[in-house]
Amino acid sequence: MFEVIAAGGWLMLPIILCSLAVVGITFERYWTLSPQKIAPKHLLGEVWESISKKKMTADTLKELKYGSALGAILAAGISNSRHGRDVMKDSIEEAASSVIHDMERYLGLLGTIAAVAPLLGLLGTVIGMINVFTAIMIQGAGNTGALAGGISEALITTAAGLCVAIPAMMAHRFFQRRIDSLVVTMEQEAVKLVDAIHGDRKVDVKVV
């Protein structure tokens, strides 16, 4: 394996660093963006039960805020619910913007790596072909060893760049789709809370 990496030339180093970044980001985002951690299934029911039984204290609200992303959005709405529907919705939207920004952390880097890795491989291809033509110019076409070295450098970096870019692109699309789904879920739960507090809707309390 080391011989293959060495044959790819110095451009293999940034490609390897990109691959390590992809692995690290993928594991971190998969853990962080767990649906149960972001938007617990029965959280709204528990919150509404606390509100209806007048058990929503400052400590409970603080625990809700830091318990999950959905909890932070609901807590923002509850804190401003006494100021009316519009103020409550504005506070929910502001909290949601912050939550979504945190959820999208590192996805920009993941997308950048997916775009840059093939270009690094292409640059390695160009450098490898330059070495091939340089060897031909200096030593002639009879030195197959020199030609093979340049060609292998070109092919290895190209393959390595694609091997990094393809999983990075797949992971980026996967996490973007998951975030979109979680955002829809949190939006629906927040709307239910607004309607329930202002008397337009009954919330089905299911604490399991």
Foldseek 3Di string as FASTA:
>chain_A
DVVLLVLLPPLSVVLVVLLVLLVVVLVVLVVQLDLCQAPNDQVLLVVVVCVVVVNCDPVNLVCQLPRHLLSVLQSQLVVCVVVDLVNSVVSSVVSLVVSLVVSCPCLVVLLVLLVCLQVSLQVQLVQLVVQLVVCCVPPNPPPVVSNVSSNSNNVSSNVSSNVSNVSSVVSSVVSVVSSVVSSVVSVVSSVQSSCVSVVNDDDDRDDD
